[in-house]
Amino acid sequence: MKTINLFIIVLLNFIGGLLSYSWCYRLFIRKYSTPEWLYLIFYGMCYFSFILIAFFILNKVNRPVILLVSGILIAVLISFISWIVNPFILFVNARQYLEFDLYDLFMSSLMTLNFIIYPVILLGCHYSFLWIEKTVKKT
């Protein structure tokens, strides 16, 4: 059962990451021809963090409203933290990077609706778990 839950969390976060990245690609990368690898690293960090946090939240919280509120707060917080931590991971001139590219990354993460996609992912995982439990109990 835990393996199936783990698979559902990773799958839904992967789908959410692809949705968010494709939206970002249409809005920013193609239009302004910014380096695509920056966005890949940024969204990779965000959704890896989302997967780790989803394990904890889905084990502790059972109410959908709390999942929605915590998902919105976490999505905005993770986007902001990734915006700050990214230059230190990439080992680049942090001042120059923060002035130009990271502002675009942060704004694109907010505009690509991470704060909507992540709560939907949490609710999808929650209801999938309930459906699996109900199905297993019937058999």
C-alpha atoms as a PDB file:
ATOM      1  CA  MET A   1       0.000   0.000   0.000  1.00  0.00           C
ATOM      2  CA  LYS A   2       2.830   2.421   0.852  1.00  0.00           C
ATOM      3  CA  THR A   3       4.493   1.695  -2.498  1.00  0.00           C
ATOM      4  CA  ILE A   4       1.304   2.569  -4.367  1.00  0.00           C
ATOM      5  CA  ASN A   5       0.942   5.788  -2.356  1.00  0.00           C
ATOM      6  CA  LEU A   6       4.554   6.696  -3.096  1.00  0.00           C
ATOM      7  CA  PHE A   7       3.982   6.060  -6.797  1.00  0.00           C
ATOM      8  CA  ILE A   8       0.852   8.253  -6.796  1.00  0.00           C
ATOM      9  CA  ILE A   9       2.680  11.125  -5.063  1.00  0.00           C
ATOM     10  CA  VAL A  10       5.609  11.011  -7.488  1.00  0.00           C
ATOM     11  CA  LEU A  11       3.362  10.598 -10.538  1.00  0.00           C
ATOM     12  CA  LEU A  12       1.057  13.498  -9.685  1.00  0.00           C
ATOM     13  CA  ASN A  13       4.001  15.760  -8.809  1.00  0.00           C
ATOM     14  CA  PHE A  14       5.686  14.818 -12.083  1.00  0.00           C
ATOM     15  CA  ILE A  15       2.517  15.694 -14.008  1.00  0.00           C
ATOM     16  CA  GLY A  16       2.203  18.964 -12.074  1.00  0.00           C
ATOM     17  CA  GLY A  17       5.834  19.797 -12.803  1.00  0.00           C
ATOM     18  CA  LEU A  18       5.325  19.168 -16.494  1.00  0.00           C
ATOM     19  CA  LEU A  19       2.202  21.345 -16.543  1.00  0.00           C
ATOM     20  CA  SER A  20       3.965  24.140 -14.725  1.00  0.00           C
ATOM     21  CA  TYR A  21       7.082  23.927 -16.879  1.00  0.00           C
ATOM     22  CA  SER A  22       5.125  23.831 -20.149  1.00  0.00           C
ATOM     23  CA  TRP A  23       3.168  26.901 -19.050  1.00  0.00           C
ATOM     24  CA  CYS A  24       6.450  28.611 -18.174  1.00  0.00           C
ATOM     25  CA  TYR A  25       7.910  27.603 -21.536  1.00  0.00           C
ATOM     26  CA  ARG A  26       5.043  29.242 -23.391  1.00  0.00           C
ATOM     27  CA  LEU A  27       5.153  32.398 -21.287  1.00  0.00           C
ATOM     28  CA  PHE A  28       8.861  33.082 -20.918  1.00  0.00           C
ATOM     29  CA  ILE A  29      11.415  30.785 -22.480  1.00  0.00           C
ATOM     30  CA  ARG A  30      10.153  30.837 -26.033  1.00  0.00           C
ATOM     31  CA  LYS A  31       9.181  34.499 -25.954  1.00  0.00           C
ATOM     32  CA  TYR A  32      12.345  35.944 -24.382  1.00  0.00           C
ATOM     33  CA  SER A  33      14.794  33.153 -25.339  1.00  0.00           C
ATOM     34  CA  THR A  34      16.151  32.831 -21.814  1.00  0.00           C
ATOM     35  CA  PRO A  35      18.398  29.848 -20.974  1.00  0.00           C
ATOM     36  CA  GLU A  36      16.228  26.793 -20.572  1.00  0.00           C
ATOM     37  CA  TRP A  37      18.560  25.023 -18.121  1.00  0.00           C
ATOM     38  CA  LEU A  38      17.880  27.675 -15.479  1.00  0.00           C
ATOM     39  CA  TYR A  39      14.187  26.870 -15.559  1.00  0.00           C
ATOM     40  CA  LEU A  40      14.846  23.122 -15.517  1.00  0.00           C
ATOM     41  CA  ILE A  41      16.980  23.399 -12.397  1.00  0.00           C
ATOM     42  CA  PHE A  42      14.511  25.739 -10.733  1.00  0.00           C
ATOM     43  CA  TYR A  43      11.451  23.593 -11.392  1.00  0.00           C
ATOM     44  CA  GLY A  44      13.391  20.457 -10.524  1.00  0.00           C
ATOM     45  CA  MET A  45      14.236  21.921  -7.126  1.00  0.00           C
ATOM     46  CA  CYS A  46      10.675  23.078  -6.552  1.00  0.00           C
ATOM     47  CA  TYR A  47       9.008  19.791  -7.390  1.00  0.00           C
ATOM     48  CA  PHE A  48      11.608  17.674  -5.585  1.00  0.00           C
ATOM     49  CA  SER A  49      10.817  19.748  -2.495  1.00  0.00           C
ATOM     50  CA  PHE A  50       7.096  19.359  -3.171  1.00  0.00           C
ATOM     51  CA  ILE A  51       7.464  15.549  -3.293  1.00  0.00           C
ATOM     52  CA  LEU A  52       9.327  15.447   0.018  1.00  0.00           C
ATOM     53  CA  ILE A  53       6.836  17.734   1.719  1.00  0.00           C
ATOM     54  CA  ALA A  54       3.876  15.816   0.268  1.00  0.00           C
ATOM     55  CA  PHE A  55       5.006  12.635   2.061  1.00  0.00           C
ATOM     56  CA  PHE A  56       4.910  14.431   5.391  1.00  0.00           C
ATOM     57  CA  ILE A  57       1.704  16.395   4.846  1.00  0.00           C
ATOM     58  CA  LEU A  58      -0.332  13.503   3.479  1.00  0.00           C
ATOM     59  CA  ASN A  59       0.601  11.338   6.464  1.00  0.00           C
ATOM     60  CA  LYS A  60      -0.264  14.015   9.029  1.00  0.00           C
ATOM     61  CA  VAL A  61      -3.257  15.890   7.584  1.00  0.00           C
ATOM     62  CA  ASN A  62      -6.567  14.301   6.632  1.00  0.00           C
ATOM     63  CA  ARG A  63      -8.817  17.328   6.119  1.00  0.00           C
ATOM     64  CA  PRO A  64      -9.060  18.645   2.542  1.00  0.00           C
ATOM     65  CA  VAL A  65      -9.366  22.309   3.561  1.00  0.00           C
ATOM     66  CA  ILE A  66      -6.137  22.141   5.558  1.00  0.00           C
ATOM     67  CA  LEU A  67      -4.456  20.419   2.603  1.00  0.00           C
ATOM     68  CA  LEU A  68      -5.537  23.273   0.314  1.00  0.00           C
ATOM     69  CA  VAL A  69      -4.345  26.043   2.615  1.00  0.00           C
ATOM     70  CA  SER A  70      -1.057  24.348   3.429  1.00  0.00           C
ATOM     71  CA  GLY A  71      -0.501  23.553  -0.252  1.00  0.00           C
ATOM     72  CA  ILE A  72      -0.904  27.197  -1.257  1.00  0.00           C
ATOM     73  CA  LEU A  73       1.417  28.427   1.485  1.00  0.00           C
ATOM     74  CA  ILE A  74       4.039  25.769   0.763  1.00  0.00           C
ATOM     75  CA  ALA A  75       3.988  26.400  -2.996  1.00  0.00           C
ATOM     76  CA  VAL A  76       4.636  30.116  -2.555  1.00  0.00           C
ATOM     77  CA  LEU A  77       7.252  29.461   0.135  1.00  0.00           C
ATOM     78  CA  ILE A  78       9.114  26.820  -1.899  1.00  0.00           C
ATOM     79  CA  SER A  79       9.128  29.089  -4.951  1.00  0.00           C
ATOM     80  CA  PHE A  80      10.619  31.878  -2.863  1.00  0.00           C
ATOM     81  CA  ILE A  81      13.204  29.624  -1.184  1.00  0.00           C
ATOM     82  CA  SER A  82      14.234  28.100  -4.513  1.00  0.00           C
ATOM     83  CA  TRP A  83      14.640  31.599  -5.890  1.00  0.00           C
ATOM     84  CA  ILE A  84      17.107  32.438  -3.109  1.00  0.00           C
ATOM     85  CA  VAL A  85      18.978  29.091  -2.936  1.00  0.00           C
ATOM     86  CA  ASN A  86      19.412  28.517  -6.684  1.00  0.00           C
ATOM     87  CA  PRO A  87      22.500  30.748  -7.233  1.00  0.00           C
ATOM     88  CA  PHE A  88      24.373  29.016  -4.436  1.00  0.00           C
ATOM     89  CA  ILE A  89      23.744  25.629  -6.024  1.00  0.00           C
ATOM     90  CA  LEU A  90      24.809  26.847  -9.455  1.00  0.00           C
ATOM     91  CA  PHE A  91      28.015  28.508  -8.119  1.00  0.00           C
ATOM     92  CA  VAL A  92      27.616  31.655 -10.171  1.00  0.00           C
ATOM     93  CA  ASN A  93      28.011  35.332  -9.403  1.00  0.00           C
ATOM     94  CA  ALA A  94      25.050  35.630  -7.050  1.00  0.00           C
ATOM     95  CA  ARG A  95      24.598  39.391  -7.314  1.00  0.00           C
ATOM     96  CA  GLN A  96      24.360  39.413 -11.106  1.00  0.00           C
ATOM     97  CA  TYR A  97      22.193  36.290 -11.097  1.00  0.00           C
ATOM     98  CA  LEU A  98      19.771  37.671  -8.518  1.00  0.00           C
ATOM     99  CA  GLU A  99      19.323  40.902 -10.435  1.00  0.00           C
ATOM    100  CA  PHE A 100      18.298  39.388 -13.750  1.00  0.00           C
ATOM    101  CA  ASP A 101      17.447  35.717 -14.020  1.00  0.00           C
ATOM    102  CA  LEU A 102      16.168  34.827 -10.578  1.00  0.00           C
ATOM    103  CA  TYR A 103      13.567  37.555 -10.570  1.00  0.00           C
ATOM    104  CA  ASP A 104      12.257  36.113 -13.831  1.00  0.00           C
ATOM    105  CA  LEU A 105      12.320  32.602 -12.354  1.00  0.00           C
ATOM    106  CA  PHE A 106      10.443  33.638  -9.239  1.00  0.00           C
ATOM    107  CA  MET A 107       7.831  35.582 -11.158  1.00  0.00           C
ATOM    108  CA  SER A 108       7.424  32.757 -13.642  1.00  0.00           C
ATOM    109  CA  SER A 109       6.903  30.247 -10.840  1.00  0.00           C
ATOM    110  CA  LEU A 110       4.167  32.416  -9.384  1.00  0.00           C
ATOM    111  CA  MET A 111       2.680  33.055 -12.806  1.00  0.00           C
ATOM    112  CA  THR A 112       2.824  29.374 -13.760  1.00  0.00           C
ATOM    113  CA  LEU A 113       0.366  28.691 -10.999  1.00  0.00           C
ATOM    114  CA  ASN A 114       2.466  26.530  -8.661  1.00  0.00           C
ATOM    115  CA  PHE A 115       0.256  27.859  -5.882  1.00  0.00           C
ATOM    116  CA  ILE A 116      -2.746  26.271  -7.626  1.00  0.00           C
ATOM    117  CA  ILE A 117      -1.127  23.149  -9.064  1.00  0.00           C
ATOM    118  CA  TYR A 118       0.432  21.941  -5.785  1.00  0.00           C
ATOM    119  CA  PRO A 119      -2.767  22.072  -3.680  1.00  0.00           C
ATOM    120  CA  VAL A 120      -4.567  20.212  -6.480  1.00  0.00           C
ATOM    121  CA  ILE A 121      -1.790  17.602  -6.414  1.00  0.00           C
ATOM    122  CA  LEU A 122      -2.210  17.212  -2.650  1.00  0.00           C
ATOM    123  CA  LEU A 123      -5.975  16.820  -2.981  1.00  0.00           C
ATOM    124  CA  GLY A 124      -5.541  14.361  -5.850  1.00  0.00           C
ATOM    125  CA  CYS A 125      -3.173  12.264  -3.755  1.00  0.00           C
ATOM    126  CA  HIS A 126      -5.496  12.445  -0.732  1.00  0.00           C
ATOM    127  CA  TYR A 127      -8.567  11.297  -2.641  1.00  0.00           C
ATOM    128  CA  SER A 128      -6.584   8.662  -4.535  1.00  0.00           C
ATOM    129  CA  PHE A 129      -5.429   7.212  -1.231  1.00  0.00           C
ATOM    130  CA  LEU A 130      -9.018   7.162   0.057  1.00  0.00           C
ATOM    131  CA  TRP A 131     -10.239   5.490  -3.134  1.00  0.00           C
ATOM    132  CA  ILE A 132      -7.504   2.841  -2.956  1.00  0.00           C
ATOM    133  CA  GLU A 133      -8.283   2.120   0.710  1.00  0.00           C
ATOM    134  CA  LYS A 134     -11.995   1.779  -0.070  1.00  0.00           C
ATOM    135  CA  THR A 135     -11.267  -0.515  -3.033  1.00  0.00           C
ATOM    136  CA  VAL A 136      -8.895  -2.706  -1.028  1.00  0.00           C
ATOM    137  CA  LYS A 137     -11.395  -3.029   1.842  1.00  0.00           C
ATOM    138  CA  LYS A 138     -14.133  -4.168  -0.563  1.00  0.00           C
ATOM    139  CA  THR A 139     -12.056  -7.064  -1.888  1.00  0.00           C
END
